[in-house]
Amino acid sequence: MPHELEKRYGLSAHDLLEAIGSRFRLRAALEGAVAEVHMEAVISRLVGKVINRFEAHDLDGHPDFSIWVRGRKRPILAECKNIRSSSKKGGEAYREKGKIVAYKVETQKTRAATADRTSRYYDVTQFDILGVCMGKVTGDWTDFLFVRTADLARHATHRGKLAVMQRVPLADSGKLRPWYNDLGELLRDRYGR
């Protein structure tokens, strides 16, 4: 039975995958969706443990997830991003003497409002937690690191905004904090009662 997308676009699943695989922007959009699906699975596994409930959002200008934990009336807002690829030569990772010492994640929106160029930068209050999918560097798209927005770098010239690039520690660096590789642990440590 053909998938709805095959029927809608008159292309086979193979043709659709070929179109995605051969176009950078489509592949980047797909990687964003893949990361969000995997982050939703991470969140879902915590329901009934640390999380009461959650909602996933696909809305411009709204974080990807709202998470309700015990003892809090207001949801914790979480945004999902992909790590920058470190395989390219140059600025996709932080390096010292040619060796990667930390990864990068870009924390800015795809577009800015024409009247306000700073609208591309995230406000420091726009979300509470950033989940970074490490799939581009580890090959495992279920691999995440999490951090509170309060612990992210601020923009150098625009007060109240996040810096465009954030430093993400190497998982084996021994210096993970304030980052967490376990969302449940972050929620218990920082939002638990």
Foldseek 3Di string as FASTA:
>chain_A
DADPVCVVVVHGPVVVVVVQVVDPVSVQVVLQVLLLVLVVVLLVVCPVPFFVDKDADDDPLAAGMFTHGPPDPGTAGEHEWEWFAPPDPDDQADDDPRHGFWGKTFQFAPDADPVDRCRRFAFLPRGFKYWYQHCNPPVDRNFIKMATSVPWDPPPPDPRTGHGMTTQGDPPPVPHPVIDRRPSVNCCVPPND
